[in-house]
Structures are given as structure tokens and as C-alpha cells.
Amino acid sequence: MLARHAEDMFWAGRYLERAEDTARMVRATLLSTVAESPAQALHRMHDLTRTLRLEAPAPAEGAQTIAESLTSSPPMLRSQAGLDIDVQAAATRLVCSSAVAGSVVFCIGRARENFRSLRDQIPSELWEEINRFHLQLGHADFPGAMEQDPFRTLDSIRVSCQTLNGVLSTSMARGEAYRFLALGQNLERSLMTCRLIQARYPEMDGSSYDEMALTLRSVSALEAYQRTMHSSPLASDVARFLLLSDAFPRSVLFCLRLSESHVGSMAANGQPPPLRRLGQLRSGLEFADFDEMATDLPTHLRALETGVREAADLVGDHFFRNAEAFTLHSQAVKPGAPS
């Protein structure tokens, strides 16, 4: 497979995952703020922007970040959805603004552009679905729909993302193209789960079911967690599940195992650097003493996130370095990183 095509596929997977994760987290956060005070709602949105890594200054002079805009005026009014106006506006920007590198609209637009260059290598159903989704998000009424009924709109986005994943899983041959796309998805998913635990862990002291539920709903893990951990509200149990679960597909360990498997399948011979780094991360997490990790979990999470980013960079160095065109994705704007 040509390096530039492999890179397009890898970053299409990352953008698709980023869009779905953002929609899930925005919905869970908005749901948690409906019955809270304005100050609590703002705090929730700040946690969300930290998780999505959208705190860096915008490139345009004088522009505000999402986090800065939350404090620009007091949220005294309520929207029709029962949300504070500023919180609703911030959520709308995270979903609808093409100027926010990491918004749902931004990520789906980038994924579509990558798939457009790969029309001869992807199922026609996939192109039709990503094109339909892109047109839906670009409709003039879409921001208004997000403001009027954010929960229905976010549910629609989630369903569209799941439809795309369904098309991929049932229609795409398990060749290199699929493996690069799945690798991008799983690396991005592991990063988002790491960031979520980092942002939410200090908020969970074991005394509030709501804090636990918000964290788990952000990655659609509440029901799976309840069946596995018997609804324990302890922060350490939530972190253990999201990091180490063998069966939950959004746990960090689960994603690292899949990523290692995809890279191993594409390695021509030996153990290339990305495979070695993924193996180190996977084995370090798989055989770690979690009780020992929990004594300084933030430090371990930062190291783990850094390691996954390094593995993603090594994938680029090893597989894509000779790519001819790369302005559409990683070298232009990395999801969750400053421009």
C-alpha cells in the first residue's frame, strides 16, 4: 500500500474516533449540568475541555479558546434545553465549529477528505455514509438544531458514527487499509480514555454516584462497569476498569492489544520501533500492580499518554515517512494538540 494512502487511512480512523468520542463526552457533560448550578456547570465544561485538550490558545490573534469563552460572561440565562446559555454555546462550538480543531464537524470533514482520496480502496457504502454525514453536519440548520435539542442531535451524531463503524466492520476487507484505519481508531481511543481518567479522577471521591456515572457515560461504559464492578463508586475501581479491562473495547489495555496486533500484522519482518513501543506499553500496563499505580495515578497516566503519543509518532516515522501529501491531517493539526 502506498505510504500516502496508508497515512490517509490511519488519520481517517483517528478523526472518526475523535468525532465519536467528542460527541459522547459532550452529551454526558451536558446531561450532568442540567440540574446543577451555573458554577458547577462551568466546572464540568472546563473538565471537558481539559479532556479534549482544547485549552491551548487559538492561532488567530485575539481569539478565545473554548475554556476562555466559558468565563467571558456569567451564565445567568437558561436555554430551552434547561442548560446555561454559555455552557450550551460552548457545547455547540465543540460540535459545530469548523474553526475548533477537534470539533465533530472539523473531524468528520477531515475524515471525509481522507476517504475522498481513497475512493478506489474503500467500500462504496462507506463513502456514501461519510458523505451523507458530512452534508448533514454542514447544513445551515445544524447549529440551530444543536442549540434547540442538543441531546437528540448528539444521539444522531453517535448513531451516524456507529453506522460508519458498522459499514467498516461488515464491508471492508481485512487488508492493510483496514488495519491502518483500525490502528488509528484504537490509538486515538486509548488516548481519549487516558485523558478522561486524568481529568475526572480528582473529582471522584467515592461519595457520589453522579461523578462515577458521568465519567463512565463519557465512554459508554456505565452498564459494562455496573455488571463487572457492581456499581462501586470508588475512583480507583473506575480507573482500574477503564485502564485494565480485558473485555471492554474502550479500555486502554484493550486498545493497546489491538494496536499491537495490527502493527504486528503489517510488520514485514523483525520488530519495528512502533511494535516495540506498543509492546512495552501493553506489557507495562498488563503486568502492573494497580494498587501501586494508584498511589500516584496522575503521574502514571501522564506517562502512559506520552507513551501512546510516541507510539503513534513511531507509526508515522516507520510507515509514512515517504508520503508525498500530508497536509490534510497529522502534520497540519493533530487532534487534541496545539496548531
Protein backbone atom coordinates (compact mmCIF):
# COMPACT_ATOMS: atom_id res chain seq x y z
CA MET A 1 0.00 0.00 0.00
CA LEU A 2 1.37 3.45 -0.89
CA ALA A 3 2.61 5.35 2.15
CA ARG A 4 0.45 8.40 1.45
CA HIS A 5 -2.66 6.17 1.19
CA ALA A 6 -1.77 4.36 4.39
CA GLU A 7 -1.38 7.68 6.20
CA ASP A 8 -4.70 8.92 4.87
CA MET A 9 -6.37 5.78 6.20
CA PHE A 10 -4.62 5.97 9.57
CA TRP A 11 -5.72 9.55 10.14
CA ALA A 12 -9.23 8.91 8.86
CA GLY A 13 -9.51 6.35 11.65
CA ARG A 14 -8.23 8.83 14.22
CA TYR A 15 -10.61 11.57 13.10
CA LEU A 16 -13.62 9.23 13.08
CA GLU A 17 -12.82 8.12 16.62
CA ARG A 18 -12.21 11.67 17.78
CA ALA A 19 -15.60 12.80 16.44
CA GLU A 20 -17.50 9.98 18.14
CA ASP A 21 -15.66 10.41 21.46
CA THR A 22 -16.27 14.16 21.44
CA ALA A 23 -19.99 13.68 20.84
CA ARG A 24 -20.23 11.11 23.66
CA MET A 25 -18.37 13.30 26.13
CA VAL A 26 -20.29 16.46 25.27
CA ARG A 27 -23.60 14.63 25.73
CA ALA A 28 -22.59 13.13 29.08
CA THR A 29 -21.35 16.50 30.30
CA LEU A 30 -24.48 18.38 29.22
CA LEU A 31 -26.68 15.76 30.87
CA SER A 32 -24.79 16.20 34.14
CA THR A 33 -25.21 20.01 34.11
CA VAL A 34 -28.99 20.15 33.65
CA ALA A 35 -29.77 20.15 37.38
CA GLU A 36 -26.58 21.87 38.57
CA SER A 37 -25.72 25.44 39.49
CA PRO A 38 -24.07 27.71 36.89
CA ALA A 39 -20.72 27.45 38.70
CA GLN A 40 -20.87 23.65 38.75
CA ALA A 41 -21.85 23.57 35.08
CA LEU A 42 -18.85 25.71 34.15
CA HIS A 43 -16.60 23.42 36.13
CA ARG A 44 -17.94 20.44 34.19
CA MET A 45 -17.21 22.15 30.88
CA HIS A 46 -13.68 23.01 31.99
CA ASP A 47 -13.13 19.32 32.77
CA LEU A 48 -14.38 18.50 29.28
CA THR A 49 -12.04 20.96 27.55
CA ARG A 50 -9.12 19.50 29.53
CA THR A 51 -10.10 16.01 28.44
CA LEU A 52 -10.30 17.08 24.79
CA ARG A 53 -7.04 19.04 25.08
CA LEU A 54 -8.61 22.22 23.71
CA GLU A 55 -7.06 24.60 26.22
CA ALA A 56 -4.23 25.87 24.03
CA PRO A 57 -4.52 29.42 22.62
CA ALA A 58 -6.20 29.65 19.24
CA PRO A 59 -3.89 30.56 16.34
CA ALA A 60 -5.77 33.72 15.42
CA GLU A 61 -4.74 36.81 17.35
CA GLY A 62 -7.27 37.74 19.99
CA ALA A 63 -9.29 34.56 19.52
CA GLN A 64 -10.61 32.74 22.55
CA THR A 65 -10.25 29.10 23.41
CA ILE A 66 -13.31 27.12 24.43
CA ALA A 67 -12.14 27.23 28.05
CA GLU A 68 -11.61 31.01 27.99
CA SER A 69 -15.00 31.63 26.44
CA LEU A 70 -16.70 29.89 29.34
CA THR A 71 -15.66 32.64 31.73
CA SER A 72 -16.28 35.57 29.43
CA SER A 73 -19.75 36.28 30.85
CA PRO A 74 -21.83 34.95 33.75
CA PRO A 75 -24.23 32.15 32.75
CA MET A 76 -27.39 33.70 34.16
CA LEU A 77 -29.90 32.62 31.48
CA ARG A 78 -31.21 29.19 30.60
CA SER A 79 -31.63 27.67 27.14
CA GLN A 80 -34.71 25.76 26.03
CA ALA A 81 -32.86 22.56 26.89
CA GLY A 82 -32.52 23.71 30.50
CA LEU A 83 -28.80 24.44 30.16
CA ASP A 84 -26.90 27.61 30.98
CA ILE A 85 -26.54 29.71 27.85
CA ASP A 86 -22.73 29.86 28.00
CA VAL A 87 -22.47 26.12 28.63
CA GLN A 88 -24.81 25.44 25.70
CA ALA A 89 -22.80 27.80 23.47
CA ALA A 90 -19.54 26.08 24.39
CA ALA A 91 -21.04 22.67 23.64
CA THR A 92 -22.33 23.93 20.29
CA ARG A 93 -18.83 25.15 19.37
CA LEU A 94 -17.30 21.80 20.34
CA VAL A 95 -19.70 20.10 17.94
CA CYS A 96 -20.43 22.61 15.16
CA SER A 97 -17.44 24.95 14.77
CA SER A 98 -15.10 24.07 11.92
CA ALA A 99 -12.61 26.52 13.45
CA VAL A 100 -12.14 24.29 16.52
CA ALA A 101 -9.52 21.65 15.66
CA GLY A 102 -11.17 18.69 17.33
CA SER A 103 -14.84 19.57 16.93
CA VAL A 104 -17.17 16.96 15.43
CA VAL A 105 -17.62 19.00 12.24
CA PHE A 106 -13.86 19.50 11.88
CA CYS A 107 -13.04 15.81 12.37
CA ILE A 108 -15.73 14.45 10.07
CA GLY A 109 -14.68 16.95 7.40
CA ARG A 110 -11.07 15.78 7.63
CA ALA A 111 -12.07 12.10 7.62
CA ARG A 112 -14.18 12.67 4.50
CA GLU A 113 -11.31 14.40 2.71
CA ASN A 114 -9.03 11.47 3.51
CA PHE A 115 -11.60 8.95 2.28
CA ARG A 116 -12.14 11.01 -0.87
CA SER A 117 -8.54 10.31 -1.88
CA LEU A 118 -9.13 6.59 -1.26
CA ARG A 119 -12.37 6.06 -3.18
CA ASP A 120 -10.92 3.07 -5.03
CA GLN A 121 -9.85 1.37 -1.79
CA ILE A 122 -12.93 1.71 0.41
CA PRO A 123 -16.45 0.23 0.11
CA SER A 124 -18.88 2.44 -1.79
CA GLU A 125 -21.25 2.24 1.19
CA LEU A 126 -18.58 3.84 3.37
CA TRP A 127 -18.17 6.79 1.01
CA GLU A 128 -21.93 7.24 0.73
CA GLU A 129 -22.36 7.23 4.51
CA ILE A 130 -19.46 9.60 5.31
CA ASN A 131 -20.66 11.94 2.56
CA ARG A 132 -24.23 11.90 3.91
CA PHE A 133 -22.96 12.54 7.43
CA HIS A 134 -20.74 15.41 6.26
CA LEU A 135 -23.63 17.05 4.42
CA GLN A 136 -25.85 16.68 7.49
CA LEU A 137 -23.28 18.42 9.69
CA GLY A 138 -22.76 21.15 7.11
CA HIS A 139 -26.45 22.02 6.78
CA ALA A 140 -27.28 25.61 7.69
CA ASP A 141 -29.82 24.46 10.30
CA PHE A 142 -27.42 22.12 12.11
CA PRO A 143 -26.07 24.62 14.73
CA GLY A 144 -29.65 25.68 15.45
CA ALA A 145 -30.68 22.06 15.97
CA MET A 146 -27.78 21.62 18.37
CA GLU A 147 -28.93 24.62 20.39
CA GLN A 148 -32.62 23.67 20.34
CA ASP A 149 -32.27 19.97 21.15
CA PRO A 150 -28.64 19.08 21.93
CA PHE A 151 -29.36 15.59 23.24
CA ARG A 152 -31.25 14.42 20.16
CA THR A 153 -28.60 16.00 17.92
CA LEU A 154 -25.74 14.32 19.79
CA ASP A 155 -27.56 10.99 19.74
CA SER A 156 -27.90 11.38 15.96
CA ILE A 157 -24.15 12.01 15.66
CA ARG A 158 -23.37 8.95 17.77
CA VAL A 159 -25.64 6.76 15.64
CA SER A 160 -24.02 8.06 12.44
CA CYS A 161 -20.55 7.28 13.82
CA GLN A 162 -21.69 3.81 14.81
CA THR A 163 -23.18 3.32 11.34
CA LEU A 164 -19.81 4.17 9.81
CA ASN A 165 -18.12 1.66 12.10
CA GLY A 166 -20.74 -0.92 11.14
CA VAL A 167 -20.05 -0.38 7.45
CA LEU A 168 -16.32 -0.71 8.10
CA SER A 169 -16.66 -3.90 10.13
CA THR A 170 -19.03 -5.66 7.70
CA SER A 171 -17.92 -4.41 4.28
CA MET A 172 -14.17 -3.79 4.31
CA ALA A 173 -11.61 -6.49 3.55
CA ARG A 174 -9.12 -7.09 6.37
CA GLY A 175 -6.13 -5.89 4.39
CA GLU A 176 -3.59 -3.20 5.09
CA ALA A 177 -6.07 -0.38 4.50
CA TYR A 178 -8.40 -1.71 7.18
CA ARG A 179 -5.54 -2.34 9.60
CA PHE A 180 -4.20 1.19 9.30
CA LEU A 181 -7.68 2.62 9.86
CA ALA A 182 -8.33 0.37 12.88
CA LEU A 183 -4.88 1.20 14.25
CA GLY A 184 -5.66 4.91 14.10
CA GLN A 185 -9.01 4.37 15.81
CA ASN A 186 -7.56 2.34 18.66
CA LEU A 187 -4.62 4.66 19.33
CA GLU A 188 -6.95 7.68 19.42
CA ARG A 189 -9.40 5.79 21.65
CA SER A 190 -6.68 4.86 24.14
CA LEU A 191 -5.54 8.48 24.29
CA MET A 192 -9.05 9.75 24.93
CA THR A 193 -9.60 7.24 27.72
CA CYS A 194 -6.31 8.22 29.36
CA ARG A 195 -7.26 11.90 29.19
CA LEU A 196 -10.71 11.23 30.60
CA ILE A 197 -9.31 9.43 33.63
CA GLN A 198 -6.78 12.22 34.19
CA ALA A 199 -9.46 14.91 34.11
CA ARG A 200 -12.12 13.05 36.08
CA TYR A 201 -10.10 11.10 38.68
CA PRO A 202 -9.70 14.04 41.12
CA GLU A 203 -13.47 14.63 41.00
CA MET A 204 -14.39 11.11 42.12
CA ASP A 205 -14.00 10.63 45.86
CA GLY A 206 -16.33 7.66 46.18
CA SER A 207 -19.16 9.66 47.76
CA SER A 208 -21.12 10.48 44.61
CA TYR A 209 -22.74 8.10 42.14
CA ASP A 210 -23.20 11.04 39.74
CA GLU A 211 -19.45 11.66 39.45
CA MET A 212 -18.84 8.00 38.68
CA ALA A 213 -21.72 7.88 36.20
CA LEU A 214 -20.54 10.99 34.32
CA THR A 215 -17.07 9.52 33.87
CA LEU A 216 -18.38 6.18 32.63
CA ARG A 217 -21.11 7.63 30.40
CA SER A 218 -18.44 9.67 28.64
CA VAL A 219 -17.11 6.42 27.14
CA SER A 220 -20.41 4.47 27.14
CA ALA A 221 -19.08 2.24 29.92
CA LEU A 222 -21.69 2.63 32.66
CA GLU A 223 -23.62 -0.60 32.09
CA ALA A 224 -20.47 -2.66 31.46
CA TYR A 225 -18.91 -1.25 34.63
CA GLN A 226 -22.00 -1.95 36.72
CA ARG A 227 -22.04 -5.58 35.62
CA THR A 228 -18.32 -6.03 36.23
CA MET A 229 -17.64 -3.90 39.33
CA HIS A 230 -21.11 -3.99 40.94
CA SER A 231 -21.55 -0.20 40.71
CA SER A 232 -18.65 0.62 43.03
CA PRO A 233 -18.36 4.44 43.22
CA LEU A 234 -14.67 4.30 44.16
CA ALA A 235 -12.42 6.29 41.83
CA SER A 236 -9.77 3.57 41.95
CA ASP A 237 -12.27 0.94 40.71
CA VAL A 238 -13.42 3.19 37.86
CA ALA A 239 -9.82 3.87 36.85
CA ARG A 240 -8.91 0.17 37.11
CA PHE A 241 -11.81 -0.77 34.81
CA LEU A 242 -11.08 1.90 32.19
CA LEU A 243 -7.38 1.09 32.18
CA LEU A 244 -7.22 -2.68 32.57
CA SER A 245 -10.48 -4.30 31.48
CA ASP A 246 -9.87 -7.32 29.25
CA ALA A 247 -13.36 -7.24 27.79
CA PHE A 248 -14.39 -3.59 27.43
CA PRO A 249 -13.39 -2.26 23.96
CA ARG A 250 -12.62 1.27 25.17
CA SER A 251 -10.24 0.33 27.97
CA VAL A 252 -6.65 1.39 27.39
CA LEU A 253 -5.29 -2.16 27.65
CA PHE A 254 -7.85 -3.49 25.17
CA CYS A 255 -6.94 -0.76 22.65
CA LEU A 256 -3.20 -1.28 23.07
CA ARG A 257 -3.55 -5.01 22.45
CA LEU A 258 -5.47 -4.40 19.23
CA SER A 259 -2.98 -1.74 18.12
CA GLU A 260 -0.06 -4.07 18.76
CA SER A 261 -1.80 -6.83 16.80
CA HIS A 262 -2.42 -4.57 13.78
CA VAL A 263 1.17 -3.29 13.68
CA GLY A 264 2.50 -6.83 14.10
CA SER A 265 0.41 -8.00 11.15
CA MET A 266 1.82 -5.23 8.93
CA ALA A 267 5.47 -5.51 10.01
CA ALA A 268 7.40 -7.12 7.17
CA ASN A 269 9.97 -8.68 9.48
CA GLY A 270 11.51 -8.26 12.89
CA GLN A 271 10.18 -5.84 15.48
CA PRO A 272 9.94 -2.28 14.11
CA PRO A 273 10.03 0.64 16.59
CA PRO A 274 6.24 1.15 16.79
CA LEU A 275 5.71 -2.53 17.57
CA ARG A 276 8.36 -2.48 20.30
CA ARG A 277 6.92 0.68 21.87
CA LEU A 278 3.37 -0.68 21.82
CA GLY A 279 4.60 -3.93 23.33
CA GLN A 280 6.34 -2.03 26.12
CA LEU A 281 3.20 -0.02 26.87
CA ARG A 282 0.91 -3.04 26.72
CA SER A 283 3.09 -5.27 28.90
CA GLY A 284 3.80 -2.48 31.36
CA LEU A 285 0.07 -1.95 31.83
CA GLU A 286 -0.91 -5.61 31.66
CA PHE A 287 1.50 -6.71 34.39
CA ALA A 288 1.40 -3.57 36.52
CA ASP A 289 0.46 -3.64 40.19
CA PHE A 290 -2.58 -1.36 40.05
CA ASP A 291 -2.62 -0.73 43.80
CA GLU A 292 0.92 0.60 43.48
CA MET A 293 -0.04 2.67 40.44
CA ALA A 294 -2.97 4.15 42.36
CA THR A 295 -0.62 5.76 44.88
CA ASP A 296 0.42 8.20 42.14
CA LEU A 297 -2.04 7.59 39.33
CA PRO A 298 -1.79 11.05 37.68
CA THR A 299 1.94 10.55 37.06
CA HIS A 300 1.37 7.09 35.58
CA LEU A 301 -1.44 8.39 33.36
CA ARG A 302 0.70 11.23 32.01
CA ALA A 303 3.49 8.76 31.24
CA LEU A 304 1.04 6.40 29.56
CA GLU A 305 -0.47 9.16 27.41
CA THR A 306 3.02 10.29 26.40
CA GLY A 307 3.90 6.71 25.50
CA VAL A 308 0.83 6.28 23.27
CA ARG A 309 1.64 9.56 21.51
CA GLU A 310 5.19 8.32 20.98
CA ALA A 311 3.87 5.06 19.53
CA ALA A 312 1.62 7.00 17.13
CA ASP A 313 4.58 9.14 16.04
CA LEU A 314 6.67 6.00 15.51
CA VAL A 315 3.93 4.57 13.30
CA GLY A 316 4.29 7.71 11.16
CA ASP A 317 8.09 7.51 11.11
CA HIS A 318 8.13 3.84 10.15
CA PHE A 319 5.24 3.58 7.69
CA PHE A 320 4.55 7.07 6.30
CA ARG A 321 7.85 8.93 6.13
CA ASN A 322 7.93 8.79 2.35
CA ALA A 323 4.35 10.00 1.94
CA GLU A 324 4.02 12.68 -0.72
CA ALA A 325 0.97 14.53 0.62
CA PHE A 326 0.30 15.03 4.32
CA THR A 327 -1.22 18.48 4.76
CA LEU A 328 -4.68 17.04 5.41
CA HIS A 329 -4.02 15.52 8.79
CA SER A 330 -1.17 14.82 11.19
CA GLN A 331 1.39 17.40 10.17
CA ALA A 332 -1.28 20.07 9.76
CA VAL A 333 -3.19 19.67 13.01
CA LYS A 334 -3.01 16.74 15.39
CA PRO A 335 -6.29 16.04 17.20
CA GLY A 336 -6.06 17.44 20.69
CA ALA A 337 -2.74 19.19 20.10
CA PRO A 338 -1.99 22.90 19.55
CA SER A 339 -1.92 24.15 15.99
